[in-house]
């Protein structure tokens, strides 16, 4: 396996080994994944709707460093109020923020740390209609939401952003998902008919499959 060049350089200074990394001064303003960025994020109201390129941190695990930065895409399936399966996507990325980062092609990243942070916060603060593009494809309609998970040791909250500030670099973990924190209004007639009944005497049309779950 070929060894990879260090992923991050600060004009000759060494950087923390966990974040060895990679940019470009381009005449073409559109970012190119694998050339001057690892991923792009975009929102219709940020940067005129054009994608913004970002560089990602390399995994800390030694055996995985040679593969470069990673994006975690996770899927889950939940049942909605009517019992239909809803597929949900979660994307987790750790974005590097610093001046003079090195691009995948070895050039120096054109955007400053201030510009990268500003674009990222603007996009994430929109909360909806975010597009993530990776080398394998495009994930659209994403939302930036916190997530509460029931684990074996209790409920754990995963924030939409986790900002780690070091002396020379900043890493921002971002969580994007297709899950919504709100739901469209339900059909009022169906909702009113969704009652707890005695199944031995009930003669209506409502069943477990076409009713909404109600506590009362």
N, C-alpha and C. Protein backbone atom coordinates (compact mmCIF):
# COMPACT_ATOMS: atom_id res chain seq x y z
N UNK A 1 0.85 -1.19 0.00
CA UNK A 1 0.00 0.00 0.00
C UNK A 1 0.88 1.24 0.00
N UNK A 2 0.56 2.20 -0.84
CA UNK A 2 1.34 3.41 -0.90
C UNK A 2 1.09 4.26 0.33
N UNK A 3 2.14 4.86 0.84
CA UNK A 3 1.96 5.77 1.97
C UNK A 3 1.46 7.10 1.46
N UNK A 4 0.72 7.79 2.28
CA UNK A 4 0.15 9.08 1.91
C UNK A 4 0.98 10.19 2.51
N UNK A 5 0.99 11.31 1.85
CA UNK A 5 1.72 12.47 2.36
C UNK A 5 0.97 13.06 3.54
N UNK A 6 1.67 13.80 4.43
CA UNK A 6 0.98 14.42 5.57
C UNK A 6 -0.21 15.24 5.11
N UNK A 7 -1.28 15.20 5.91
CA UNK A 7 -2.54 15.80 5.52
C UNK A 7 -2.66 17.26 5.90
N UNK A 8 -1.79 17.79 6.69
CA UNK A 8 -1.96 19.18 7.11
C UNK A 8 -0.60 19.81 7.34
N UNK A 9 -0.37 20.98 6.79
CA UNK A 9 0.88 21.68 7.03
C UNK A 9 0.58 23.14 7.29
N UNK A 10 1.32 23.72 8.21
CA UNK A 10 1.15 25.13 8.55
C UNK A 10 2.43 25.87 8.17
N UNK A 11 2.64 25.99 6.86
CA UNK A 11 3.79 26.72 6.34
C UNK A 11 5.08 26.27 7.00
N UNK A 12 5.32 24.97 6.98
CA UNK A 12 6.57 24.44 7.47
C UNK A 12 6.51 23.93 8.89
N UNK A 13 5.50 24.31 9.65
CA UNK A 13 5.40 23.83 11.02
C UNK A 13 4.68 22.50 11.06
N UNK A 14 5.09 21.62 11.95
CA UNK A 14 4.40 20.35 12.10
C UNK A 14 3.07 20.58 12.78
N UNK A 15 2.13 19.65 12.57
CA UNK A 15 0.79 19.78 13.14
C UNK A 15 0.47 18.55 13.96
N UNK A 16 -0.57 18.60 14.80
CA UNK A 16 -0.95 17.42 15.58
C UNK A 16 -1.17 16.23 14.67
N UNK A 17 -0.61 15.08 15.06
CA UNK A 17 -0.63 13.90 14.19
C UNK A 17 -2.04 13.44 13.89
N UNK A 18 -2.97 13.70 14.81
CA UNK A 18 -4.34 13.26 14.60
C UNK A 18 -5.00 13.98 13.43
N UNK A 19 -4.47 15.12 13.04
CA UNK A 19 -5.14 15.93 12.04
C UNK A 19 -4.29 16.17 10.80
N UNK A 20 -3.30 15.25 10.58
CA UNK A 20 -2.52 15.43 9.37
C UNK A 20 -3.45 15.45 8.18
N UNK A 21 -3.33 16.37 7.29
CA UNK A 21 -4.37 16.76 6.32
C UNK A 21 -3.95 17.32 4.96
N UNK A 22 -4.71 18.07 4.30
CA UNK A 22 -4.49 18.49 2.94
C UNK A 22 -5.00 19.79 2.34
N UNK A 23 -5.35 21.68 -0.09
CA UNK A 23 -6.10 22.86 -0.67
C UNK A 23 -5.74 23.29 -2.06
N UNK A 24 -5.88 24.74 -2.67
CA UNK A 24 -5.55 25.17 -4.02
C UNK A 24 -5.97 26.61 -4.25
N UNK A 25 -5.10 27.34 -4.88
CA UNK A 25 -5.51 28.66 -5.33
C UNK A 25 -5.99 28.46 -6.75
N UNK A 26 -7.31 28.60 -6.97
CA UNK A 26 -7.91 28.24 -8.24
C UNK A 26 -8.50 29.47 -8.92
N UNK A 27 -8.47 29.43 -10.25
CA UNK A 27 -9.20 30.45 -10.98
C UNK A 27 -10.67 30.07 -11.08
N UNK A 28 -10.94 28.77 -11.05
CA UNK A 28 -12.31 28.25 -11.06
C UNK A 28 -12.85 28.30 -9.64
N UNK A 29 -13.90 29.09 -9.37
CA UNK A 29 -14.39 29.23 -8.01
C UNK A 29 -15.15 28.01 -7.51
N UNK A 30 -15.58 27.12 -8.40
CA UNK A 30 -16.35 25.96 -7.98
C UNK A 30 -15.42 24.90 -7.39
N UNK A 31 -15.69 24.44 -6.17
CA UNK A 31 -14.83 23.43 -5.56
C UNK A 31 -14.94 22.09 -6.28
N UNK A 32 -13.84 21.34 -6.27
CA UNK A 32 -13.80 20.03 -6.90
C UNK A 32 -13.36 19.00 -5.88
N UNK A 33 -14.23 18.06 -5.56
CA UNK A 33 -13.92 17.03 -4.57
C UNK A 33 -12.75 16.19 -5.06
N UNK A 34 -11.79 15.95 -4.17
CA UNK A 34 -10.59 15.21 -4.53
C UNK A 34 -9.48 16.10 -5.05
N UNK A 35 -9.78 17.36 -5.34
CA UNK A 35 -8.78 18.32 -5.80
C UNK A 35 -8.54 19.40 -4.74
N UNK A 36 -9.59 20.14 -4.41
CA UNK A 36 -9.43 21.20 -3.42
C UNK A 36 -10.39 21.08 -2.24
N UNK A 37 -11.01 19.93 -2.09
CA UNK A 37 -11.90 19.70 -0.94
C UNK A 37 -12.21 18.21 -0.84
N UNK A 38 -12.75 17.81 0.30
CA UNK A 38 -13.20 16.43 0.50
C UNK A 38 -14.70 16.30 0.32
N UNK A 39 -15.43 17.33 0.72
CA UNK A 39 -16.88 17.37 0.57
C UNK A 39 -17.30 18.79 0.22
N UNK A 40 -18.54 18.94 -0.21
CA UNK A 40 -19.12 20.28 -0.33
C UNK A 40 -20.44 20.30 0.41
N UNK A 41 -20.75 21.46 0.96
CA UNK A 41 -22.05 21.73 1.57
C UNK A 41 -22.65 22.93 0.86
N UNK A 42 -23.96 22.94 0.73
CA UNK A 42 -24.59 24.10 0.12
C UNK A 42 -26.01 24.30 0.60
N UNK A 43 -26.45 25.54 0.48
CA UNK A 43 -27.81 25.93 0.83
C UNK A 43 -28.20 27.05 -0.12
N UNK A 44 -29.45 27.08 -0.57
CA UNK A 44 -29.87 28.09 -1.55
C UNK A 44 -29.61 29.54 -1.13
N UNK A 45 -29.54 29.79 0.18
CA UNK A 45 -29.40 31.17 0.66
C UNK A 45 -27.98 31.52 1.08
N UNK A 46 -27.03 30.62 0.85
CA UNK A 46 -25.64 30.86 1.23
C UNK A 46 -24.75 30.78 -0.01
N UNK A 47 -23.84 31.73 -0.16
CA UNK A 47 -22.88 31.73 -1.28
C UNK A 47 -23.59 31.66 -2.63
N UNK A 48 -24.69 32.37 -2.74
CA UNK A 48 -25.49 32.39 -3.98
C UNK A 48 -25.99 31.00 -4.37
N UNK A 49 -26.08 30.11 -3.39
CA UNK A 49 -26.55 28.76 -3.67
C UNK A 49 -25.48 27.84 -4.18
N UNK A 50 -24.24 28.35 -4.39
CA UNK A 50 -23.15 27.51 -4.89
C UNK A 50 -22.56 26.67 -3.77
N UNK A 51 -22.02 25.49 -4.09
CA UNK A 51 -21.42 24.64 -3.06
C UNK A 51 -20.15 25.26 -2.48
N UNK A 52 -19.90 24.96 -1.22
CA UNK A 52 -18.69 25.41 -0.52
C UNK A 52 -17.88 24.17 -0.16
N UNK A 53 -16.60 24.17 -0.52
CA UNK A 53 -15.75 23.01 -0.25
C UNK A 53 -15.17 23.04 1.14
N UNK A 54 -15.07 21.84 1.75
CA UNK A 54 -14.49 21.71 3.08
C UNK A 54 -13.53 20.53 3.11
N UNK A 55 -12.56 20.60 4.00
CA UNK A 55 -11.59 19.53 4.22
C UNK A 55 -11.93 18.81 5.51
N UNK A 56 -11.70 17.51 5.54
CA UNK A 56 -12.09 16.68 6.68
C UNK A 56 -10.88 16.15 7.43
N UNK A 57 -11.09 15.86 8.70
CA UNK A 57 -10.04 15.27 9.52
C UNK A 57 -9.84 13.81 9.15
N UNK A 58 -8.61 13.36 9.30
CA UNK A 58 -8.26 11.97 9.06
C UNK A 58 -8.56 11.17 10.33
N UNK A 59 -9.05 9.92 10.20
CA UNK A 59 -9.33 9.11 11.39
C UNK A 59 -8.10 8.98 12.29
N UNK A 60 -8.33 8.94 13.59
CA UNK A 60 -7.23 8.80 14.55
C UNK A 60 -6.67 7.38 14.56
N UNK A 61 -7.49 6.41 14.15
CA UNK A 61 -7.06 5.01 14.17
C UNK A 61 -5.94 4.82 13.17
N UNK A 62 -4.80 4.30 13.63
CA UNK A 62 -3.61 4.21 12.79
C UNK A 62 -3.87 3.42 11.51
N UNK A 63 -4.59 2.31 11.59
CA UNK A 63 -4.82 1.45 10.43
C UNK A 63 -5.66 2.14 9.36
N UNK A 64 -6.40 3.19 9.73
CA UNK A 64 -7.29 3.85 8.78
C UNK A 64 -6.72 5.15 8.22
N UNK A 65 -5.62 5.64 8.79
CA UNK A 65 -5.10 6.94 8.37
C UNK A 65 -4.71 6.95 6.90
N UNK A 66 -4.19 5.82 6.40
CA UNK A 66 -3.72 5.79 5.02
C UNK A 66 -4.86 5.91 4.02
N UNK A 67 -6.10 5.71 4.46
CA UNK A 67 -7.25 5.81 3.56
C UNK A 67 -7.76 7.24 3.43
N UNK A 68 -7.27 8.14 4.26
CA UNK A 68 -7.71 9.52 4.18
C UNK A 68 -8.92 9.81 5.05
N UNK A 69 -9.49 10.99 4.90
CA UNK A 69 -10.63 11.41 5.73
C UNK A 69 -11.88 10.59 5.45
N UNK A 70 -12.74 10.49 6.45
CA UNK A 70 -13.92 9.64 6.31
C UNK A 70 -15.20 10.42 6.61
N UNK A 71 -16.27 9.97 5.97
CA UNK A 71 -17.61 10.47 6.22
C UNK A 71 -18.44 9.28 6.70
N UNK A 72 -19.13 9.43 7.80
CA UNK A 72 -19.97 8.35 8.31
C UNK A 72 -21.40 8.58 7.86
N UNK A 73 -21.92 7.65 7.06
CA UNK A 73 -23.31 7.68 6.62
C UNK A 73 -24.03 6.52 7.28
N UNK A 74 -25.04 6.81 8.09
CA UNK A 74 -25.76 5.77 8.82
C UNK A 74 -27.24 5.84 8.46
N UNK A 75 -27.87 4.67 8.47
CA UNK A 75 -29.28 4.59 8.10
C UNK A 75 -30.06 3.92 9.22
N UNK A 76 -31.27 4.39 9.44
CA UNK A 76 -32.18 3.72 10.36
C UNK A 76 -33.58 3.75 9.76
N UNK A 77 -34.40 2.83 10.22
CA UNK A 77 -35.78 2.75 9.75
C UNK A 77 -36.71 2.82 10.95
N UNK A 78 -37.65 3.77 10.91
CA UNK A 78 -38.62 3.93 11.98
C UNK A 78 -40.02 3.85 11.40
N UNK A 79 -40.98 3.51 12.25
CA UNK A 79 -42.37 3.49 11.83
C UNK A 79 -43.03 4.82 12.18
N UNK A 80 -43.79 5.35 11.23
CA UNK A 80 -44.50 6.59 11.50
C UNK A 80 -45.80 6.30 12.24
N UNK A 81 -46.63 7.32 12.44
CA UNK A 81 -47.86 7.16 13.22
C UNK A 81 -48.83 6.18 12.60
N UNK A 82 -48.72 5.97 11.30
CA UNK A 82 -49.62 5.03 10.62
C UNK A 82 -48.97 3.67 10.41
N UNK A 83 -47.78 3.48 10.97
CA UNK A 83 -47.12 2.19 10.87
C UNK A 83 -46.29 1.99 9.63
N UNK A 84 -46.17 3.00 8.78
CA UNK A 84 -45.36 2.88 7.57
C UNK A 84 -43.89 3.07 7.91
N UNK A 85 -43.03 2.31 7.23
CA UNK A 85 -41.59 2.41 7.46
C UNK A 85 -41.04 3.68 6.84
N UNK A 86 -40.26 4.41 7.60
CA UNK A 86 -39.61 5.62 7.13
C UNK A 86 -38.10 5.45 7.25
N UNK A 87 -37.40 5.51 6.12
CA UNK A 87 -35.95 5.40 6.12
C UNK A 87 -35.33 6.76 6.43
N UNK A 88 -34.39 6.78 7.35
CA UNK A 88 -33.76 8.02 7.80
C UNK A 88 -32.25 7.92 7.62
N UNK A 89 -31.66 8.96 7.08
CA UNK A 89 -30.21 9.01 6.88
C UNK A 89 -29.58 9.95 7.89
N UNK A 90 -28.43 9.54 8.43
CA UNK A 90 -27.62 10.40 9.29
C UNK A 90 -26.23 10.49 8.69
N UNK A 91 -25.72 11.70 8.57
CA UNK A 91 -24.36 11.92 8.06
C UNK A 91 -23.54 12.63 9.13
N UNK A 92 -22.36 12.09 9.42
CA UNK A 92 -21.47 12.69 10.41
C UNK A 92 -20.13 13.01 9.74
N UNK A 93 -19.70 14.26 9.84
CA UNK A 93 -18.42 14.66 9.27
C UNK A 93 -17.67 15.51 10.29
N UNK A 94 -16.34 15.42 10.26
CA UNK A 94 -15.50 16.26 11.11
C UNK A 94 -14.69 17.18 10.20
N UNK A 95 -15.04 18.45 10.22
CA UNK A 95 -14.46 19.44 9.30
C UNK A 95 -13.29 20.16 9.97
N UNK A 96 -12.22 20.34 9.20
CA UNK A 96 -11.05 21.06 9.68
C UNK A 96 -11.18 22.55 9.38
N UNK A 97 -10.84 23.36 10.37
CA UNK A 97 -10.86 24.81 10.21
C UNK A 97 -9.49 25.34 10.62
N UNK A 98 -8.74 25.90 9.67
CA UNK A 98 -7.43 26.49 9.94
C UNK A 98 -6.94 27.20 8.69
N UNK A 99 -5.98 28.07 8.86
CA UNK A 99 -5.35 28.70 7.71
C UNK A 99 -4.31 27.77 7.11
N UNK A 100 -4.10 27.89 5.79
CA UNK A 100 -3.04 27.18 5.09
C UNK A 100 -3.17 25.67 5.15
N UNK A 101 -4.39 25.17 5.13
CA UNK A 101 -4.59 23.73 5.05
C UNK A 101 -4.16 23.23 3.68
N UNK A 102 -3.78 21.95 3.65
CA UNK A 102 -3.33 21.35 2.40
C UNK A 102 -4.47 20.60 1.73
N UNK A 103 -4.66 20.84 0.45
CA UNK A 103 -5.72 20.19 -0.32
C UNK A 103 -5.34 18.77 -0.70
N UNK A 104 -6.30 17.98 -1.18
CA UNK A 104 -5.99 16.64 -1.67
C UNK A 104 -4.92 16.63 -2.76
N UNK A 105 -4.86 17.68 -3.58
CA UNK A 105 -3.88 17.70 -4.67
C UNK A 105 -2.55 18.31 -4.24
N UNK A 106 -2.41 18.63 -2.95
CA UNK A 106 -1.16 19.14 -2.44
C UNK A 106 -1.04 20.65 -2.41
N UNK A 107 -1.98 21.36 -3.00
CA UNK A 107 -1.93 22.82 -3.00
C UNK A 107 -2.48 23.37 -1.68
N UNK A 108 -2.37 24.67 -1.51
CA UNK A 108 -2.83 25.31 -0.28
C UNK A 108 -4.26 25.79 -0.45
N UNK A 109 -5.08 25.48 0.53
CA UNK A 109 -6.50 25.80 0.47
C UNK A 109 -6.70 27.31 0.33
N UNK A 110 -7.54 27.70 -0.59
CA UNK A 110 -7.72 29.12 -0.90
C UNK A 110 -8.46 29.87 0.20
N UNK A 111 -9.37 29.20 0.90
CA UNK A 111 -10.18 29.88 1.90
C UNK A 111 -9.45 29.96 3.24
N UNK A 112 -9.62 31.07 3.92
CA UNK A 112 -9.05 31.23 5.25
C UNK A 112 -9.91 30.50 6.27
N UNK A 113 -9.37 30.37 7.48
CA UNK A 113 -10.14 29.74 8.55
C UNK A 113 -11.41 30.52 8.84
N UNK A 114 -11.31 31.85 8.82
CA UNK A 114 -12.48 32.69 9.08
C UNK A 114 -13.55 32.46 8.04
N UNK A 115 -13.16 32.39 6.77
CA UNK A 115 -14.13 32.18 5.69
C UNK A 115 -14.79 30.82 5.80
N UNK A 116 -14.00 29.78 6.09
CA UNK A 116 -14.57 28.43 6.21
C UNK A 116 -15.57 28.36 7.35
N UNK A 117 -15.17 28.92 8.50
CA UNK A 117 -16.06 28.88 9.66
C UNK A 117 -17.35 29.66 9.39
N UNK A 118 -17.21 30.81 8.75
CA UNK A 118 -18.39 31.64 8.45
C UNK A 118 -19.35 30.91 7.53
N UNK A 119 -18.84 30.33 6.45
CA UNK A 119 -19.69 29.58 5.53
C UNK A 119 -20.36 28.40 6.23
N UNK A 120 -19.58 27.66 7.02
CA UNK A 120 -20.13 26.49 7.69
C UNK A 120 -21.26 26.88 8.64
N UNK A 121 -21.04 27.90 9.45
CA UNK A 121 -22.06 28.31 10.41
C UNK A 121 -23.30 28.85 9.71
N UNK A 122 -23.10 29.56 8.60
CA UNK A 122 -24.25 30.07 7.85
C UNK A 122 -25.09 28.91 7.31
N UNK A 123 -24.43 27.90 6.77
CA UNK A 123 -25.16 26.76 6.20
C UNK A 123 -25.87 25.98 7.29
N UNK A 124 -25.15 25.65 8.36
CA UNK A 124 -25.73 24.83 9.43
C UNK A 124 -26.87 25.56 10.12
N UNK A 125 -26.76 26.88 10.26
CA UNK A 125 -27.80 27.64 10.96
C UNK A 125 -29.10 27.72 10.17
N UNK A 126 -29.09 27.34 8.90
CA UNK A 126 -30.33 27.30 8.12
C UNK A 126 -31.20 26.12 8.55
N UNK A 127 -30.58 25.09 9.07
CA UNK A 127 -31.25 23.93 9.68
C UNK A 127 -31.98 23.00 8.69
N UNK A 128 -32.41 23.49 7.55
CA UNK A 128 -33.12 22.64 6.60
C UNK A 128 -32.60 22.88 5.19
N UNK A 129 -32.95 21.95 4.29
CA UNK A 129 -32.63 22.09 2.86
C UNK A 129 -31.13 22.23 2.61
N UNK A 130 -30.33 21.46 3.36
CA UNK A 130 -28.87 21.45 3.20
C UNK A 130 -28.49 20.29 2.28
N UNK A 131 -27.53 20.52 1.41
CA UNK A 131 -27.06 19.48 0.49
C UNK A 131 -25.61 19.13 0.81
N UNK A 132 -25.35 17.84 0.98
CA UNK A 132 -24.00 17.32 1.20
C UNK A 132 -23.59 16.52 -0.02
N UNK A 133 -22.44 16.85 -0.60
CA UNK A 133 -21.92 16.11 -1.73
C UNK A 133 -20.59 15.47 -1.34
N UNK A 134 -20.48 14.16 -1.58
CA UNK A 134 -19.25 13.42 -1.33
C UNK A 134 -18.77 12.84 -2.66
N UNK A 135 -17.67 12.11 -2.62
CA UNK A 135 -17.15 11.54 -3.87
C UNK A 135 -18.07 10.46 -4.42
N UNK A 136 -18.98 9.94 -3.59
CA UNK A 136 -19.87 8.88 -4.05
C UNK A 136 -21.25 9.38 -4.46
N UNK A 137 -21.57 10.65 -4.18
CA UNK A 137 -22.88 11.13 -4.59
C UNK A 137 -23.36 12.31 -3.77
N UNK A 138 -24.62 12.65 -4.00
CA UNK A 138 -25.23 13.84 -3.40
C UNK A 138 -26.35 13.41 -2.45
N UNK A 139 -26.37 14.00 -1.26
CA UNK A 139 -27.44 13.79 -0.29
C UNK A 139 -28.12 15.14 -0.08
N UNK A 140 -29.36 15.26 -0.55
CA UNK A 140 -30.07 16.53 -0.45
C UNK A 140 -31.16 16.51 0.59
N UNK A 141 -31.73 17.67 0.87
CA UNK A 141 -32.83 17.78 1.82
C UNK A 141 -32.45 17.45 3.24
N UNK A 142 -31.19 17.72 3.62
CA UNK A 142 -30.73 17.38 4.96
C UNK A 142 -31.04 18.49 5.95
N UNK A 143 -31.10 18.10 7.22
CA UNK A 143 -31.38 19.04 8.30
C UNK A 143 -30.25 18.97 9.32
N UNK A 144 -29.97 20.08 9.96
CA UNK A 144 -28.98 20.10 11.04
C UNK A 144 -29.75 20.11 12.36
N UNK A 145 -29.81 18.95 12.99
CA UNK A 145 -30.59 18.78 14.22
C UNK A 145 -29.77 18.05 15.26
N UNK A 146 -30.04 18.35 16.52
CA UNK A 146 -29.49 17.54 17.60
C UNK A 146 -30.26 16.23 17.65
N UNK A 147 -29.66 15.23 18.28
CA UNK A 147 -30.29 13.92 18.34
C UNK A 147 -30.16 13.35 19.75
N UNK A 148 -31.26 12.88 20.31
CA UNK A 148 -31.25 12.25 21.62
C UNK A 148 -31.47 10.76 21.44
N UNK A 149 -30.51 9.97 21.96
CA UNK A 149 -30.54 8.52 21.77
C UNK A 149 -30.63 7.84 23.12
N UNK A 150 -31.51 6.85 23.23
CA UNK A 150 -31.65 6.07 24.46
C UNK A 150 -30.62 4.95 24.44
N UNK A 151 -29.56 5.07 25.25
CA UNK A 151 -28.50 4.07 25.29
C UNK A 151 -28.63 3.22 26.54
N UNK A 152 -27.73 2.26 26.69
CA UNK A 152 -27.79 1.35 27.83
C UNK A 152 -27.53 2.09 29.15
N UNK A 153 -26.88 3.24 29.07
CA UNK A 153 -26.59 4.01 30.29
C UNK A 153 -27.49 5.23 30.42
N UNK A 154 -28.54 5.28 29.60
CA UNK A 154 -29.46 6.40 29.67
C UNK A 154 -29.48 7.20 28.38
N UNK A 155 -30.18 8.30 28.40
CA UNK A 155 -30.30 9.13 27.20
C UNK A 155 -29.00 9.91 26.95
N UNK A 156 -28.58 9.92 25.70
CA UNK A 156 -27.38 10.65 25.31
C UNK A 156 -27.73 11.61 24.18
N UNK A 157 -27.29 12.85 24.30
CA UNK A 157 -27.59 13.87 23.29
C UNK A 157 -26.39 14.04 22.37
N UNK A 158 -26.63 13.91 21.06
CA UNK A 158 -25.62 14.17 20.06
C UNK A 158 -25.93 15.54 19.43
N UNK A 159 -25.09 16.54 19.68
CA UNK A 159 -25.38 17.88 19.17
C UNK A 159 -25.27 17.95 17.65
N UNK A 160 -25.90 18.95 17.06
CA UNK A 160 -25.77 19.12 15.62
C UNK A 160 -24.36 19.57 15.25
N UNK A 161 -23.66 20.23 16.21
CA UNK A 161 -22.27 20.62 15.99
C UNK A 161 -21.49 20.45 17.28
N UNK A 162 -20.24 19.98 17.14
CA UNK A 162 -19.34 19.81 18.28
C UNK A 162 -18.02 20.46 17.90
N UNK A 163 -17.73 21.62 18.48
CA UNK A 163 -16.57 22.43 18.09
C UNK A 163 -15.42 22.20 19.06
N UNK A 164 -14.28 21.70 18.55
CA UNK A 164 -13.08 21.51 19.35
C UNK A 164 -12.03 22.50 18.87
N UNK A 165 -11.55 23.35 19.78
CA UNK A 165 -10.60 24.40 19.43
C UNK A 165 -9.23 24.06 20.03
N UNK A 166 -8.25 23.87 19.14
CA UNK A 166 -6.88 23.59 19.55
C UNK A 166 -6.03 24.84 19.33
N UNK A 167 -4.76 24.78 19.69
CA UNK A 167 -3.91 25.96 19.58
C UNK A 167 -3.69 26.38 18.13
N UNK A 168 -3.68 25.43 17.20
CA UNK A 168 -3.39 25.77 15.80
C UNK A 168 -4.47 25.35 14.83
N UNK A 169 -5.47 24.66 15.31
CA UNK A 169 -6.48 24.12 14.41
C UNK A 169 -7.80 23.98 15.15
N UNK A 170 -8.88 23.92 14.42
CA UNK A 170 -10.22 23.76 14.98
C UNK A 170 -10.91 22.63 14.22
N UNK A 171 -11.57 21.75 14.93
CA UNK A 171 -12.35 20.69 14.29
C UNK A 171 -13.81 20.85 14.69
N UNK A 172 -14.69 20.75 13.71
CA UNK A 172 -16.11 20.89 13.97
C UNK A 172 -16.82 19.65 13.46
N UNK A 173 -17.36 18.87 14.39
CA UNK A 173 -18.14 17.69 14.02
C UNK A 173 -19.57 18.14 13.73
N UNK A 174 -20.08 17.71 12.59
CA UNK A 174 -21.41 18.14 12.15
C UNK A 174 -22.30 16.92 11.95
N UNK A 175 -23.53 17.02 12.42
CA UNK A 175 -24.52 15.96 12.23
C UNK A 175 -25.63 16.49 11.32
N UNK A 176 -25.82 15.81 10.19
CA UNK A 176 -26.90 16.14 9.26
C UNK A 176 -27.81 14.93 9.12
N UNK A 177 -29.09 15.16 8.93
CA UNK A 177 -30.03 14.05 8.89
C UNK A 177 -31.25 14.38 8.04
N UNK A 178 -31.92 13.34 7.59
CA UNK A 178 -33.19 13.54 6.89
C UNK A 178 -34.36 13.50 7.86
N UNK A 179 -34.08 13.20 9.13
CA UNK A 179 -35.15 13.20 10.13
C UNK A 179 -35.61 14.62 10.40
N UNK A 180 -36.90 14.78 10.62
CA UNK A 180 -37.46 16.10 10.90
C UNK A 180 -37.86 16.18 12.36
N UNK A 181 -37.69 17.37 12.93
CA UNK A 181 -38.12 17.57 14.32
C UNK A 181 -39.58 17.98 14.40
N UNK A 182 -40.19 18.19 13.25
CA UNK A 182 -41.61 18.53 13.23
C UNK A 182 -42.30 17.72 12.15
N UNK A 183 -43.59 17.62 12.22
CA UNK A 183 -44.34 16.78 11.30
C UNK A 183 -45.50 17.57 10.71
N UNK A 184 -45.87 17.21 9.50
CA UNK A 184 -47.00 17.88 8.85
C UNK A 184 -48.28 17.59 9.63
N UNK A 185 -49.24 18.50 9.59
CA UNK A 185 -50.51 18.27 10.30
C UNK A 185 -51.18 16.98 9.82
N UNK A 186 -51.76 16.25 10.77
CA UNK A 186 -52.42 14.99 10.42
C UNK A 186 -53.85 15.26 9.98
N UNK A 187 -54.43 14.29 9.33
CA UNK A 187 -55.82 14.39 8.90
C UNK A 187 -56.72 14.44 10.13
N UNK A 188 -57.46 15.53 10.36
CA UNK A 188 -58.24 15.65 11.59
C UNK A 188 -59.32 14.59 11.73
N UNK A 189 -59.94 14.18 10.62
CA UNK A 189 -61.00 13.17 10.69
C UNK A 189 -60.43 11.84 11.14
N UNK A 190 -59.27 11.47 10.56
CA UNK A 190 -58.64 10.20 10.94
C UNK A 190 -58.19 10.26 12.40
N UNK A 191 -57.65 11.41 12.81
CA UNK A 191 -57.19 11.55 14.19
C UNK A 191 -58.34 11.38 15.17
N UNK A 192 -59.48 12.02 14.91
CA UNK A 192 -60.63 11.93 15.82
C UNK A 192 -61.20 10.52 15.88
N UNK A 193 -61.05 9.77 14.79
CA UNK A 193 -61.56 8.40 14.76
C UNK A 193 -60.58 7.40 15.36
N UNK A 194 -59.36 7.85 15.64
CA UNK A 194 -58.33 6.95 16.17
C UNK A 194 -58.48 6.86 17.68
N UNK A 195 -59.37 6.00 18.12
CA UNK A 195 -59.70 5.85 19.54
C UNK A 195 -59.42 4.43 20.01
N UNK A 196 -59.17 4.31 21.31
CA UNK A 196 -59.06 2.98 21.90
C UNK A 196 -60.47 2.40 22.03
N UNK A 197 -60.67 1.23 21.47
CA UNK A 197 -62.01 0.63 21.45
C UNK A 197 -61.93 -0.83 21.86
N UNK A 198 -63.08 -1.39 22.11
CA UNK A 198 -63.20 -2.82 22.38
C UNK A 198 -63.28 -3.53 21.04
N UNK A 199 -62.25 -4.29 20.69
CA UNK A 199 -62.21 -4.90 19.36
C UNK A 199 -63.31 -5.94 19.15
N UNK A 200 -63.91 -6.40 20.23
CA UNK A 200 -64.98 -7.40 20.07
C UNK A 200 -66.30 -6.77 19.66
N UNK A 201 -66.44 -5.47 19.90
CA UNK A 201 -67.70 -4.80 19.55
C UNK A 201 -67.53 -3.69 18.52
N UNK A 202 -66.29 -3.28 18.24
CA UNK A 202 -66.06 -2.17 17.32
C UNK A 202 -66.36 -2.59 15.88
N UNK A 203 -67.11 -1.75 15.16
CA UNK A 203 -67.49 -2.06 13.78
C UNK A 203 -67.03 -0.99 12.80
N UNK A 204 -66.19 -0.05 13.27
CA UNK A 204 -65.71 1.02 12.39
C UNK A 204 -64.61 0.55 11.45
N UNK A 205 -64.09 1.49 10.66
CA UNK A 205 -63.10 1.18 9.63
C UNK A 205 -61.66 1.34 10.11
N UNK A 206 -61.48 1.85 11.34
CA UNK A 206 -60.12 2.08 11.80
C UNK A 206 -59.47 0.79 12.30
N UNK A 207 -58.19 0.61 11.89
CA UNK A 207 -57.39 -0.53 12.34
C UNK A 207 -56.04 0.00 12.82
N UNK A 208 -55.19 -0.91 13.29
CA UNK A 208 -53.85 -0.50 13.71
C UNK A 208 -53.08 0.11 12.54
N UNK A 209 -53.38 -0.32 11.34
CA UNK A 209 -52.61 0.10 10.17
C UNK A 209 -53.05 1.44 9.58
N UNK A 210 -54.25 1.92 9.90
CA UNK A 210 -54.70 3.19 9.30
C UNK A 210 -55.15 4.21 10.35
N UNK A 211 -54.63 4.04 11.58
CA UNK A 211 -54.98 4.96 12.66
C UNK A 211 -53.73 5.63 13.22
N UNK A 212 -53.93 6.75 13.90
CA UNK A 212 -52.84 7.42 14.60
C UNK A 212 -52.80 6.94 16.04
N UNK A 213 -51.59 6.80 16.57
CA UNK A 213 -51.44 6.40 17.96
C UNK A 213 -51.78 7.59 18.85
N UNK A 214 -52.71 7.37 19.78
CA UNK A 214 -53.11 8.41 20.72
C UNK A 214 -53.02 7.88 22.13
N UNK A 215 -52.51 8.72 23.04
CA UNK A 215 -52.41 8.29 24.43
C UNK A 215 -53.76 8.30 25.11
N UNK A 216 -54.70 9.13 24.61
CA UNK A 216 -56.04 9.21 25.20
C UNK A 216 -57.08 9.03 24.12
